[in-house]
Each structure stands twice: as structure tokens, then as C-alpha cells.
């Protein structure tokens, strides 16, 4: 591999780490500066570098920006109406006390089969927050279990785009891939729960103060104030909520009193929506997206185009494709939330303010997510991913470790699990026959390898860590650690699969 590309990758990662951990600048600036540093060290043309940064930013937000905005709006209405709390209590009763991480990991893995992780996490995160609010703790554990449960099936179970594309490229049987992916998920889910339960309590005390207020509400603010008074210093309380000033403080207070705020309108108190109504704004968008995914997969299969090349949807698929587009589905979900969860007498201005608060809370997440896309695009355009793949393919290894390591290194280099799967599959395809490698094993190796160490150049890293309230090294301990744990847990499963197939 070109030494210059190695130095470019090291320089980019070091820039992010130094800026995030040792300066006053935030992750948004760190990612943009790292993109510039990486491109310059890699020898990219300066104008092309700027184009890669803007293109990566735009492409990322085009695919997830509107979804995040709408999802945050749905979450806000669930929160202020009290429906999220009703849903959380029903959820706890269904799974039983003490099994909340298992519940969140399981639900996450089911949701993420047809839905992109980013979309599914935004939709389901209010449930994790509500459960933590009811339990008065454990939010980090639940947030990590939910996020990594989604990672498992999103990477391993078609019809999500990555494993579906790898299946087509490598010529594997899609039914066998789905079955094997589900089996891998069942075996890896305990790894998710065990790691989340281990690291969650360690990170809960360093939870971002604004997220802590949003999750646990006014009780947190009250206890913080009490500690400040007991300590004889108003400055202690100020530091405890340093990020909550101006409109942010108003938003946090409103979130803390959400259940009461919506119920106590000008005409008096009303009852909280039940769990069934609370579930509608979540399940309807998910079902629409599932219908789109399943119908498209069936249509592609009928046309013999599993890889999706030159695919034209049939007439019967088009309406489902429209309604099941995440943007359209979440618009429907938001309309349902507003008109089924809020009392009729709720003033229009109040609803609009709630939605505006939700949009404001999503602002930094959108910027950081887009900047992560910029960094990934620069790494891709610099040729780091391709160079890594070629280098590892030239090393003598057990056959199934070739696609696994290629996917691992490409994922680390440029952040996208889907790109890592497709790159590894493309490099491995010509090696299937010479290495005597089963296409099924090759597909699973590509998907498993692509889960490793989600970090700064992965947009999902920023979605999960920002919603989970983890910053800096704590984000790496929590999210990067749990994704690496399931990556490591998949290695013995691949050895067994290679022996069986």
C-alpha cells in the first residue's frame, strides 16, 4: 500500500482525535478540518478536495437529513403528549423487569431488517428514553443496546442494501443468506446486551448534561440545583447545566415536563394517550418502509436483478415504493402523531413551537452527520479504501478471512459499512473459485467484517452518540467498543460456518 495513503489516513484520524479531545472546537469542525488534512496529505487536487467535502456532506444529508428532522419531530410529539411514557410502561410489562436491554436490542434488530439504522434509531430512540425515564436510570445501556441491535441485522440480513448487494455480487443464495444472517444475529445479540450492561453504568455518570435533562426531566434539574445549594455555590449548578442556556434551557425544561405540558392545555388536563395510539406514529412508518423493501426485493428477484443494476420497478411496486420511502413514511408518521396524540384543544402555536424545538435539537446532529459524510468521501476519493483492499488480498490467509479483513479495513478507512461490504465482495468475487470459498461464507465474512469499530467517519456513529449523550473518549468506549465486540464475536461463527458449508 502507498505510504502516502497510510500517512493520510493516520493524519486524518489524529486530527479528529486531537481537536475533539484537546481543543474548544467541536466534532463538526474536527471532521471538516480532518477532511482537508487527509486530502492534502494524500495529494488530492485542492479544488477536487473541496468538491469531495461538499459532495460528501450533501450526499449524506440527502439520504438522512430529512429523516432525522422528521424523526425528531415525531419523538418530540411522543414526548410532550405523554404517549412515549405510556408506550414505555407497556413495553416494560411485556418483557418483564430487568430485561429492558434485551428488549431494546431485540426490537432494534427487528426494526433494522427493512429500515436503515439511522432512520430506525431516530424513530425508536424516544422509546429508550421513556423506559429510562420510568426506570430513573440506565439510558446509556438502553441506547447502546438499541443501536447495536440495529447494526446486527442491518449488516447481516437482506433485504438491507449492503448484504443484498454482496449476495448478488458473490452469487450466493439469498434465502440462505437471510437464514444465516438471522442465526448470526441470534448468537451475537447476547454480546450486545452483555457489553451494553457492562459499559452503560460506567458511562451513565458522564452522560451529556443536556441529554440527561431531556431524558430524566425536571427531577435531574432539581437534584442538580439541590446539590448546588448544599455545596453553597450557584456556580456548581451553572456548570452542571452549562450547555443549557437561552432557548436550549427552555427546551430542556419543556422536555422534562413533557407529559404535563401537553396534557395541561388552556381547557384543562386531559388523559395521556394509551400505548396503542402511542405506537401508531412509530409502527405505521415502519410498516410502510417494510412494504417498500419487501415488494422491491420480490420484484427484483422476479426480474433476476438482485444486485439492483438497471432496476425499473413494476407498476404494482411504484405506489408502495412512494409510500414506503422513509421521507414520505415519516411525514405520515408525524401527521399521525400530531392529530392522534395531542388534544384537539392544543393551540396551533404550541404545536409549532414543539416542532421547532425538535428541529433545533436536530441541528447539530445534522451538521456532524454531514461532516462525517465529507470525511468518508475524502477518504474514498483519496484511494485509501481501494489500496487497503488490494494489499490485504495479496496476503496468504485462510480463504474466508480475505473478505473479512478487506471489509474490516475498508470500514475503518472510510466509515460506510455498505461500501465496505460492496468493496470486499467486489474484490473477493474473482477469488471465489481459486480459493474454493463458499459464496455464502464469503457474503457473511463481508457483512461481519464491515461492523468493526464504528467511529468518527461513520455517520451512524454521530447519530447514536449524539442521541445517547456520549462525547469524546466516552463515545469511543461506548459505541466504537460495542461494534467491535460484535465484530470479534462473529469470527468464531465464521469459522464454524466455514466448517459446515
Protein backbone atom coordinates (compact mmCIF):
# COMPACT_ATOMS: atom_id res chain seq x y z
CA UNK A 1 0.00 0.00 0.00
CA UNK A 2 1.18 3.52 -0.81
CA UNK A 3 2.91 5.03 2.23
CA UNK A 4 1.39 8.40 1.40
CA UNK A 5 -2.13 6.99 1.75
CA UNK A 6 -1.26 5.40 5.10
CA UNK A 7 0.02 8.76 6.34
CA UNK A 8 -3.12 10.48 5.04
CA UNK A 9 -5.36 8.11 6.96
CA UNK A 10 -3.28 8.44 10.15
CA UNK A 11 -3.18 12.23 9.83
CA UNK A 12 -6.94 12.47 9.36
CA UNK A 13 -7.78 10.28 12.35
CA UNK A 14 -5.18 12.03 14.54
CA UNK A 15 -6.63 15.42 13.59
CA UNK A 16 -10.11 14.40 14.72
CA UNK A 17 -8.87 12.90 17.97
CA UNK A 18 -6.75 15.93 18.86
CA UNK A 19 -9.41 18.51 18.02
CA UNK A 20 -12.27 16.69 19.77
CA UNK A 21 -10.33 15.82 22.89
CA UNK A 22 -7.86 18.70 23.30
CA UNK A 23 -9.40 21.90 21.87
CA UNK A 24 -12.51 24.05 22.26
CA UNK A 25 -13.75 23.09 18.80
CA UNK A 26 -16.49 20.54 18.34
CA UNK A 27 -16.80 17.40 16.22
CA UNK A 28 -18.33 19.27 13.27
CA UNK A 29 -15.21 21.43 12.84
CA UNK A 30 -12.93 18.48 13.63
CA UNK A 31 -14.38 16.40 10.80
CA UNK A 32 -14.10 19.22 8.27
CA UNK A 33 -10.50 20.02 9.26
CA UNK A 34 -9.63 16.31 9.14
CA UNK A 35 -11.11 16.09 5.64
CA UNK A 36 -8.84 18.92 4.49
CA UNK A 37 -5.76 17.45 6.19
CA UNK A 38 -6.39 13.97 4.78
CA UNK A 39 -6.90 15.24 1.24
CA UNK A 40 -3.77 17.40 1.30
CA UNK A 41 -1.56 14.62 2.70
CA UNK A 42 -3.00 12.17 0.15
CA UNK A 43 -2.05 14.56 -2.64
CA UNK A 44 -5.55 15.39 -3.85
CA UNK A 45 -6.09 18.41 -6.06
CA UNK A 46 -7.27 21.23 -3.79
CA UNK A 47 -10.34 22.09 -5.85
CA UNK A 48 -11.25 18.41 -6.11
CA UNK A 49 -10.80 18.15 -2.35
CA UNK A 50 -13.30 20.93 -1.72
CA UNK A 51 -15.70 19.28 -4.15
CA UNK A 52 -15.36 15.95 -2.30
CA UNK A 53 -16.10 17.65 1.03
CA UNK A 54 -19.24 19.40 -0.22
CA UNK A 55 -20.41 16.37 -2.20
CA UNK A 56 -19.95 14.04 0.77
CA UNK A 57 -21.79 16.45 3.04
CA UNK A 58 -24.67 16.87 0.59
CA UNK A 59 -24.98 13.19 -0.25
CA UNK A 60 -25.12 12.21 3.40
CA UNK A 61 -27.75 14.78 4.34
CA UNK A 62 -29.74 14.00 1.21
CA UNK A 63 -30.13 10.43 2.40
CA UNK A 64 -30.64 11.01 6.12
CA UNK A 65 -31.12 14.75 6.85
CA UNK A 66 -34.88 14.96 6.26
CA UNK A 67 -35.37 11.63 8.01
CA UNK A 68 -33.59 12.90 11.14
CA UNK A 69 -35.66 16.09 11.15
CA UNK A 70 -38.96 14.25 10.80
CA UNK A 71 -37.98 11.55 13.26
CA UNK A 72 -37.04 14.12 15.89
CA UNK A 73 -40.42 15.78 15.31
CA UNK A 74 -42.25 12.50 15.94
CA UNK A 75 -40.15 11.91 19.04
CA UNK A 76 -40.96 15.37 20.36
CA UNK A 77 -44.72 14.84 19.97
CA UNK A 78 -44.48 11.41 21.61
CA UNK A 79 -42.59 13.03 24.45
CA UNK A 80 -44.76 16.09 25.14
CA UNK A 81 -48.03 14.17 24.77
CA UNK A 82 -47.02 11.54 27.31
CA UNK A 83 -47.53 8.77 24.73
CA UNK A 84 -43.89 7.71 24.92
CA UNK A 85 -44.21 7.09 28.64
CA UNK A 86 -47.37 5.03 28.13
CA UNK A 87 -45.63 3.02 25.44
CA UNK A 88 -42.56 2.51 27.61
CA UNK A 89 -44.61 1.18 30.51
CA UNK A 90 -46.43 -1.26 28.21
CA UNK A 91 -43.07 -2.33 26.80
CA UNK A 92 -41.65 -2.95 30.26
CA UNK A 93 -44.66 -5.05 31.25
CA UNK A 94 -44.33 -7.16 28.10
CA UNK A 95 -40.65 -8.02 28.59
CA UNK A 96 -40.54 -8.01 32.36
CA UNK A 97 -38.43 -6.12 34.86
CA UNK A 98 -34.66 -6.33 34.40
CA UNK A 99 -34.85 -7.35 30.73
CA UNK A 100 -35.01 -3.87 29.21
CA UNK A 101 -31.64 -4.13 27.38
CA UNK A 102 -32.75 -7.44 25.85
CA UNK A 103 -35.98 -5.78 24.81
CA UNK A 104 -34.25 -2.82 23.15
CA UNK A 105 -31.66 -4.99 21.39
CA UNK A 106 -34.33 -7.35 20.09
CA UNK A 107 -36.62 -4.58 18.89
CA UNK A 108 -33.68 -2.82 17.26
CA UNK A 109 -32.66 -5.95 15.36
CA UNK A 110 -36.20 -6.48 14.10
CA UNK A 111 -36.71 -2.87 13.06
CA UNK A 112 -33.40 -2.62 11.20
CA UNK A 113 -34.02 -5.52 8.81
CA UNK A 114 -36.06 -3.34 6.46
CA UNK A 115 -35.03 0.12 7.72
CA UNK A 116 -31.71 1.96 7.61
CA UNK A 117 -30.07 2.12 11.03
CA UNK A 118 -30.15 5.92 11.08
CA UNK A 119 -33.88 6.10 10.40
CA UNK A 120 -34.78 3.26 12.74
CA UNK A 121 -32.70 4.64 15.59
CA UNK A 122 -34.24 8.09 15.33
CA UNK A 123 -37.72 6.53 15.32
CA UNK A 124 -37.12 4.18 18.27
CA UNK A 125 -34.85 6.32 20.48
CA UNK A 126 -37.80 8.05 22.22
CA UNK A 127 -38.83 4.62 23.49
CA UNK A 128 -35.40 4.06 25.04
CA UNK A 129 -35.58 7.49 26.65
CA UNK A 130 -39.03 6.85 28.05
CA UNK A 131 -38.03 3.48 29.52
CA UNK A 132 -35.01 5.11 31.16
CA UNK A 133 -37.25 7.87 32.48
CA UNK A 134 -39.63 5.33 34.00
CA UNK A 135 -36.70 3.33 35.45
CA UNK A 136 -34.93 6.54 36.55
CA UNK A 137 -31.66 5.36 35.05
CA UNK A 138 -29.85 3.10 32.59
CA UNK A 139 -30.33 5.23 29.48
CA UNK A 140 -26.83 4.65 28.07
CA UNK A 141 -27.25 0.88 28.35
CA UNK A 142 -30.58 1.01 26.52
CA UNK A 143 -29.32 3.42 23.85
CA UNK A 144 -26.30 1.23 23.06
CA UNK A 145 -28.34 -1.99 23.03
CA UNK A 146 -30.87 -0.44 20.66
CA UNK A 147 -28.22 0.96 18.32
CA UNK A 148 -26.11 -2.19 18.11
CA UNK A 149 -29.14 -4.46 17.80
CA UNK A 150 -29.92 -2.46 14.68
CA UNK A 151 -26.32 -2.80 13.47
CA UNK A 152 -26.52 -6.61 13.54
CA UNK A 153 -29.42 -7.10 11.14
CA UNK A 154 -28.63 -4.05 9.05
CA UNK A 155 -25.26 -5.57 8.24
CA UNK A 156 -26.21 -9.23 8.05
CA UNK A 157 -29.80 -9.74 6.93
CA UNK A 158 -31.11 -8.90 3.44
CA UNK A 159 -33.04 -7.04 2.12
CA UNK A 160 -30.93 -4.22 3.54
CA UNK A 161 -28.76 -2.82 0.70
CA UNK A 162 -25.30 -3.95 1.86
CA UNK A 163 -25.85 -7.69 2.33
CA UNK A 164 -28.23 -7.74 -0.65
CA UNK A 165 -25.57 -6.23 -2.91
CA UNK A 166 -22.88 -8.59 -1.56
CA UNK A 167 -25.22 -11.54 -2.17
CA UNK A 168 -25.71 -10.54 -5.78
CA UNK A 169 -22.03 -9.82 -6.45
CA UNK A 170 -20.85 -13.10 -4.96
CA UNK A 171 -23.69 -15.21 -6.41
CA UNK A 172 -24.95 -16.57 -3.08
CA UNK A 173 -28.48 -17.82 -2.48
CA UNK A 174 -30.48 -15.01 -0.90
CA UNK A 175 -32.61 -17.35 1.21
CA UNK A 176 -29.52 -18.96 2.69
CA UNK A 177 -28.02 -15.54 3.41
CA UNK A 178 -31.20 -14.38 5.20
CA UNK A 179 -31.36 -17.54 7.31
CA UNK A 180 -27.66 -17.41 8.18
CA UNK A 181 -27.85 -13.70 8.96
CA UNK A 182 -30.72 -14.30 11.37
CA UNK A 183 -28.78 -17.13 13.07
CA UNK A 184 -25.69 -14.91 13.41
CA UNK A 185 -27.89 -12.18 14.91
CA UNK A 186 -29.34 -14.56 17.50
CA UNK A 187 -25.84 -15.59 18.61
CA UNK A 188 -24.45 -12.05 18.62
CA UNK A 189 -27.33 -10.36 20.46
CA UNK A 190 -26.06 -11.62 23.86
CA UNK A 191 -22.73 -9.95 23.07
CA UNK A 192 -24.60 -6.68 22.52
CA UNK A 193 -26.52 -6.94 25.78
CA UNK A 194 -23.53 -8.06 27.87
CA UNK A 195 -21.32 -5.23 26.59
CA UNK A 196 -24.09 -2.63 26.98
CA UNK A 197 -24.76 -3.76 30.55
CA UNK A 198 -21.05 -3.67 31.34
CA UNK A 199 -20.18 -0.27 29.85
CA UNK A 200 -23.50 1.51 30.38
CA UNK A 201 -23.23 2.06 34.16
CA UNK A 202 -19.65 3.26 33.69
CA UNK A 203 -20.76 5.93 31.18
CA UNK A 204 -24.03 6.97 32.81
CA UNK A 205 -22.29 9.42 35.21
CA UNK A 206 -20.64 11.23 32.27
CA UNK A 207 -23.83 11.48 30.23
CA UNK A 208 -24.07 14.82 28.39
CA UNK A 209 -25.94 17.21 30.70
CA UNK A 210 -28.42 18.37 28.08
CA UNK A 211 -29.33 14.82 27.11
CA UNK A 212 -29.58 13.93 30.80
CA UNK A 213 -32.12 16.72 31.27
CA UNK A 214 -34.02 15.65 28.14
CA UNK A 215 -34.18 12.03 29.28
CA UNK A 216 -34.74 12.29 33.01
CA UNK A 217 -36.55 15.61 33.07
CA UNK A 218 -37.06 18.10 35.86
CA UNK A 219 -36.04 15.64 38.58
CA UNK A 220 -32.48 15.81 37.27
CA UNK A 221 -32.56 19.59 37.21
CA UNK A 222 -33.97 19.70 40.73
CA UNK A 223 -31.34 17.36 42.12
CA UNK A 224 -28.62 19.35 40.39
CA UNK A 225 -29.96 22.52 41.97
CA UNK A 226 -30.14 20.88 45.38
CA UNK A 227 -26.55 19.79 45.13
CA UNK A 228 -25.57 23.33 44.21
CA UNK A 229 -27.37 24.79 47.23
CA UNK A 230 -25.92 22.18 49.56
CA UNK A 231 -22.48 22.97 48.22
CA UNK A 232 -23.08 26.69 48.80
CA UNK A 233 -22.25 27.61 45.23
CA UNK A 234 -24.57 28.71 42.45
CA UNK A 235 -21.69 28.24 40.05
CA UNK A 236 -21.81 24.48 40.63
CA UNK A 237 -25.34 24.35 39.32
CA UNK A 238 -24.38 26.55 36.38
CA UNK A 239 -21.55 24.21 35.42
CA UNK A 240 -23.85 21.21 35.73
CA UNK A 241 -26.10 22.65 33.01
CA UNK A 242 -23.53 24.69 31.14
CA UNK A 243 -24.92 23.74 27.77
CA UNK A 244 -28.45 24.79 28.71
CA UNK A 245 -28.69 28.49 28.03
CA UNK A 246 -31.33 30.61 26.33
CA UNK A 247 -33.63 28.60 24.10
CA UNK A 248 -31.80 25.37 24.93
CA UNK A 249 -32.66 25.76 28.59
CA UNK A 250 -36.29 26.41 27.73
CA UNK A 251 -36.30 23.32 25.51
CA UNK A 252 -34.79 21.16 28.24
CA UNK A 253 -37.29 22.34 30.83
CA UNK A 254 -40.11 21.70 28.43
CA UNK A 255 -38.80 18.20 27.72
CA UNK A 256 -38.54 17.49 31.43
CA UNK A 257 -42.17 18.44 31.96
CA UNK A 258 -43.37 16.95 28.67
CA UNK A 259 -46.13 14.73 29.95
CA UNK A 260 -47.75 17.56 31.86
CA UNK A 261 -47.11 20.23 29.27
CA UNK A 262 -49.22 18.66 26.55
CA UNK A 263 -51.95 17.46 28.84
CA UNK A 264 -52.43 20.78 30.60
CA UNK A 265 -53.80 22.94 27.80
CA UNK A 266 -55.96 26.01 28.03
CA UNK A 267 -59.05 23.89 28.64
CA UNK A 268 -57.61 21.80 31.42
CA UNK A 269 -55.92 18.46 31.97
CA UNK A 270 -56.53 15.50 29.66
CA UNK A 271 -55.57 11.87 29.87
CA UNK A 272 -52.33 10.61 28.33
CA UNK A 273 -52.70 8.67 25.06
CA UNK A 274 -52.59 4.91 25.51
CA UNK A 275 -49.82 2.61 24.31
CA UNK A 276 -51.74 1.64 21.16
CA UNK A 277 -52.11 5.25 19.99
CA UNK A 278 -48.54 5.96 21.00
CA UNK A 279 -47.35 3.07 18.86
CA UNK A 280 -49.17 4.22 15.70
CA UNK A 281 -46.76 7.01 14.68
CA UNK A 282 -43.91 4.51 15.03
CA UNK A 283 -45.38 1.35 13.54
CA UNK A 284 -47.15 2.90 10.53
CA UNK A 285 -43.94 4.41 9.02
CA UNK A 286 -42.05 1.19 9.77
CA UNK A 287 -44.71 -0.97 8.10
CA UNK A 288 -44.74 1.30 5.05
CA UNK A 289 -40.94 1.08 4.77
CA UNK A 290 -41.10 -2.71 5.23
CA UNK A 291 -43.72 -2.97 2.48
CA UNK A 292 -41.49 -0.96 0.17
CA UNK A 293 -38.41 -3.05 0.95
CA UNK A 294 -40.14 -6.44 0.64
CA UNK A 295 -42.06 -5.57 -2.54
CA UNK A 296 -38.92 -4.18 -4.18
CA UNK A 297 -36.91 -7.29 -3.23
CA UNK A 298 -39.64 -9.55 -4.63
CA UNK A 299 -39.82 -7.51 -7.81
CA UNK A 300 -36.04 -7.53 -8.27
CA UNK A 301 -35.98 -11.28 -7.68
CA UNK A 302 -38.68 -11.79 -10.28
CA UNK A 303 -36.65 -9.72 -12.72
CA UNK A 304 -33.44 -11.57 -11.87
CA UNK A 305 -31.70 -8.41 -10.70
CA UNK A 306 -30.76 -8.99 -7.09
CA UNK A 307 -27.81 -6.61 -7.34
CA UNK A 308 -30.20 -3.87 -8.41
CA UNK A 309 -28.41 -2.97 -11.68
CA UNK A 310 -30.65 -1.05 -14.10
CA UNK A 311 -33.67 -1.88 -12.00
CA UNK A 312 -37.03 -0.46 -13.05
CA UNK A 313 -39.87 -1.09 -10.56
CA UNK A 314 -43.00 -2.76 -11.84
CA UNK A 315 -46.30 -0.88 -11.84
CA UNK A 316 -47.57 -2.62 -8.69
CA UNK A 317 -44.42 -1.70 -6.77
CA UNK A 318 -44.43 2.04 -7.52
CA UNK A 319 -47.16 3.08 -5.02
CA UNK A 320 -45.51 1.05 -2.25
CA UNK A 321 -42.11 2.50 -3.17
CA UNK A 322 -43.55 6.00 -2.84
CA UNK A 323 -45.38 5.47 0.45
CA UNK A 324 -42.51 3.39 1.84
CA UNK A 325 -39.83 5.96 1.08
CA UNK A 326 -38.51 6.94 4.54
CA UNK A 327 -39.25 10.62 3.93
CA UNK A 328 -42.88 10.03 2.92
CA UNK A 329 -43.40 7.38 5.61
CA UNK A 330 -42.12 9.68 8.34
CA UNK A 331 -44.24 12.59 7.12
CA UNK A 332 -47.24 10.29 7.56
CA UNK A 333 -45.97 9.31 10.99
CA UNK A 334 -45.56 12.95 12.04
CA UNK A 335 -49.10 13.82 10.88
CA UNK A 336 -50.44 10.83 12.83
CA UNK A 337 -48.53 11.91 15.92
CA UNK A 338 -49.90 15.45 15.84
CA UNK A 339 -53.52 14.50 15.15
CA UNK A 340 -53.86 11.36 17.28
CA UNK A 341 -51.72 12.08 20.33
CA UNK A 342 -52.39 15.74 21.11
CA UNK A 343 -55.70 17.01 22.49
CA UNK A 344 -57.86 18.81 19.95
CA UNK A 345 -57.76 21.98 22.01
CA UNK A 346 -53.96 22.20 21.87
CA UNK A 347 -53.16 25.62 20.34
CA UNK A 348 -51.57 25.57 16.91
CA UNK A 349 -48.80 27.89 18.07
CA UNK A 350 -47.91 25.47 20.88
CA UNK A 351 -47.62 22.53 18.48
CA UNK A 352 -45.50 24.58 16.10
CA UNK A 353 -43.21 25.59 18.96
CA UNK A 354 -42.77 21.95 19.95
CA UNK A 355 -41.88 21.00 16.37
CA UNK A 356 -39.50 23.96 16.16
CA UNK A 357 -37.79 22.81 19.35
CA UNK A 358 -37.44 19.34 17.88
CA UNK A 359 -35.90 20.75 14.71
CA UNK A 360 -33.50 22.89 16.73
CA UNK A 361 -32.32 19.88 18.73
CA UNK A 362 -31.55 18.07 15.47
CA UNK A 363 -29.43 20.90 14.07
CA UNK A 364 -26.03 19.90 15.45
CA UNK A 365 -26.71 16.23 14.75
CA UNK A 366 -27.36 17.12 11.10
CA UNK A 367 -24.16 19.16 10.82
CA UNK A 368 -21.99 16.49 12.40
CA UNK A 369 -23.62 13.73 10.35
CA UNK A 370 -22.99 15.67 7.14
CA UNK A 371 -19.38 16.38 8.10
CA UNK A 372 -18.88 12.66 8.73
CA UNK A 373 -20.04 12.09 5.18
CA UNK A 374 -17.48 14.64 3.97
CA UNK A 375 -14.66 12.84 5.74
CA UNK A 376 -15.77 9.50 4.33
CA UNK A 377 -15.96 10.91 0.80
CA UNK A 378 -12.44 12.35 1.03
CA UNK A 379 -11.09 9.01 2.26
CA UNK A 380 -12.84 7.26 -0.61
CA UNK A 381 -11.68 9.74 -3.25
CA UNK A 382 -8.11 9.56 -1.95
CA UNK A 383 -7.99 5.83 -2.82
CA UNK A 384 -7.32 4.62 0.73
CA UNK A 385 -10.09 2.01 0.61
CA UNK A 386 -9.01 0.51 -2.71
CA UNK A 387 -5.36 0.43 -1.68
CA UNK A 388 -6.20 -1.38 1.55
CA UNK A 389 -8.30 -3.95 -0.26
CA UNK A 390 -5.58 -4.70 -2.80
CA UNK A 391 -2.91 -5.01 -0.12
CA UNK A 392 -4.83 -7.46 2.07
CA UNK A 393 -5.93 -9.55 -0.91
CA UNK A 394 -2.27 -10.20 -1.72
CA UNK A 395 -1.58 -11.75 1.73
CA UNK A 396 -1.81 -15.54 2.20
CA UNK A 397 -4.72 -16.17 4.62
CA UNK A 398 -7.46 -18.72 5.24
CA UNK A 399 -9.92 -18.15 2.43
CA UNK A 400 -12.85 -16.68 4.36
CA UNK A 401 -10.61 -14.23 6.23
CA UNK A 402 -9.77 -12.45 2.97
CA UNK A 403 -13.20 -10.77 2.53
CA UNK A 404 -13.49 -10.36 6.30
CA UNK A 405 -10.25 -8.39 6.60
CA UNK A 406 -10.89 -6.40 3.43
CA UNK A 407 -14.29 -5.32 4.75
CA UNK A 408 -12.72 -4.54 8.14
CA UNK A 409 -10.01 -2.30 6.75
CA UNK A 410 -12.25 -0.54 4.26
CA UNK A 411 -14.79 0.14 7.01
CA UNK A 412 -12.09 1.67 9.21
CA UNK A 413 -10.76 3.69 6.31
CA UNK A 414 -13.96 5.29 5.05
CA UNK A 415 -16.74 4.61 7.56
CA UNK A 416 -19.57 3.16 5.49
CA UNK A 417 -20.49 -0.44 6.26
CA UNK A 418 -22.37 -0.74 2.97
CA UNK A 419 -19.37 0.49 0.97
CA UNK A 420 -17.11 -1.88 2.93
CA UNK A 421 -19.35 -4.86 2.12
CA UNK A 422 -19.59 -3.99 -1.57
CA UNK A 423 -15.85 -3.33 -1.85
CA UNK A 424 -14.95 -6.59 -0.12
CA UNK A 425 -17.44 -8.54 -2.25
CA UNK A 426 -16.12 -6.99 -5.46
CA UNK A 427 -12.51 -7.79 -4.58
CA UNK A 428 -13.40 -11.32 -3.40
CA UNK A 429 -15.65 -12.33 -6.33
CA UNK A 430 -12.76 -13.31 -8.66
CA UNK A 431 -11.16 -15.26 -5.79
CA UNK A 432 -14.18 -17.49 -5.01
CA UNK A 433 -13.19 -20.31 -7.37
CA UNK A 434 -9.39 -20.16 -6.92
CA UNK A 435 -9.74 -20.14 -3.11
CA UNK A 436 -12.51 -22.75 -3.03
CA UNK A 437 -14.59 -20.36 -0.93
CA UNK A 438 -18.33 -20.82 -0.47
CA UNK A 439 -20.30 -17.78 -1.70
CA UNK A 440 -22.42 -17.94 1.46
CA UNK A 441 -19.36 -17.84 3.72
CA UNK A 442 -17.89 -15.03 1.64
CA UNK A 443 -21.05 -12.93 1.99
CA UNK A 444 -21.19 -13.42 5.75
CA UNK A 445 -17.48 -12.58 6.03
CA UNK A 446 -18.06 -9.34 4.14
CA UNK A 447 -21.01 -8.36 6.33
CA UNK A 448 -19.36 -9.33 9.62
CA UNK A 449 -16.12 -7.55 8.82
CA UNK A 450 -17.96 -4.34 8.00
CA UNK A 451 -19.25 -3.95 11.59
CA UNK A 452 -15.87 -3.18 13.14
CA UNK A 453 -15.09 -0.06 15.22
CA UNK A 454 -17.70 2.46 14.12
CA UNK A 455 -16.08 5.81 14.78
CA UNK A 456 -15.68 9.39 13.52
CA UNK A 457 -16.08 8.76 9.79
CA UNK A 458 -19.33 6.80 10.19
CA UNK A 459 -22.48 8.93 10.13
CA UNK A 460 -24.29 6.38 12.32
CA UNK A 461 -21.62 6.90 14.99
CA UNK A 462 -22.68 10.51 15.30
CA UNK A 463 -26.39 9.72 15.24
CA UNK A 464 -26.09 7.19 18.08
CA UNK A 465 -23.58 9.06 20.24
CA UNK A 466 -25.35 12.41 19.98
CA UNK A 467 -28.74 10.94 20.80
CA UNK A 468 -27.13 8.82 23.53
CA UNK A 469 -25.36 11.84 25.04
CA UNK A 470 -21.83 10.46 24.74
CA UNK A 471 -18.91 12.73 23.86
CA UNK A 472 -15.22 12.30 23.11
CA UNK A 473 -13.49 9.24 24.51
CA UNK A 474 -16.73 8.11 26.15
CA UNK A 475 -18.36 7.81 22.74
CA UNK A 476 -15.50 5.59 21.62
CA UNK A 477 -15.71 3.43 24.75
CA UNK A 478 -19.44 3.01 24.32
CA UNK A 479 -20.27 2.85 20.63
CA UNK A 480 -16.94 2.00 18.98
CA UNK A 481 -16.41 -0.61 21.68
CA UNK A 482 -19.76 -2.36 21.28
CA UNK A 483 -19.50 -2.54 17.48
CA UNK A 484 -16.00 -4.01 17.79
CA UNK A 485 -17.29 -6.54 20.33
CA UNK A 486 -19.87 -7.93 17.88
CA UNK A 487 -17.25 -7.87 15.10
CA UNK A 488 -14.95 -10.00 17.26
CA UNK A 489 -17.85 -12.26 18.26
CA UNK A 490 -18.57 -13.00 14.61
CA UNK A 491 -15.12 -14.54 13.99
CA UNK A 492 -15.80 -17.91 15.70
CA UNK A 493 -19.20 -18.02 13.97
CA UNK A 494 -17.45 -17.66 10.61
CA UNK A 495 -15.03 -20.48 11.49
CA UNK A 496 -17.97 -22.76 12.31
CA UNK A 497 -19.88 -21.75 9.17
CA UNK A 498 -16.82 -22.44 7.02
CA UNK A 499 -16.56 -25.93 8.50
CA UNK A 500 -20.25 -26.69 7.96
CA UNK A 501 -20.77 -25.32 4.44
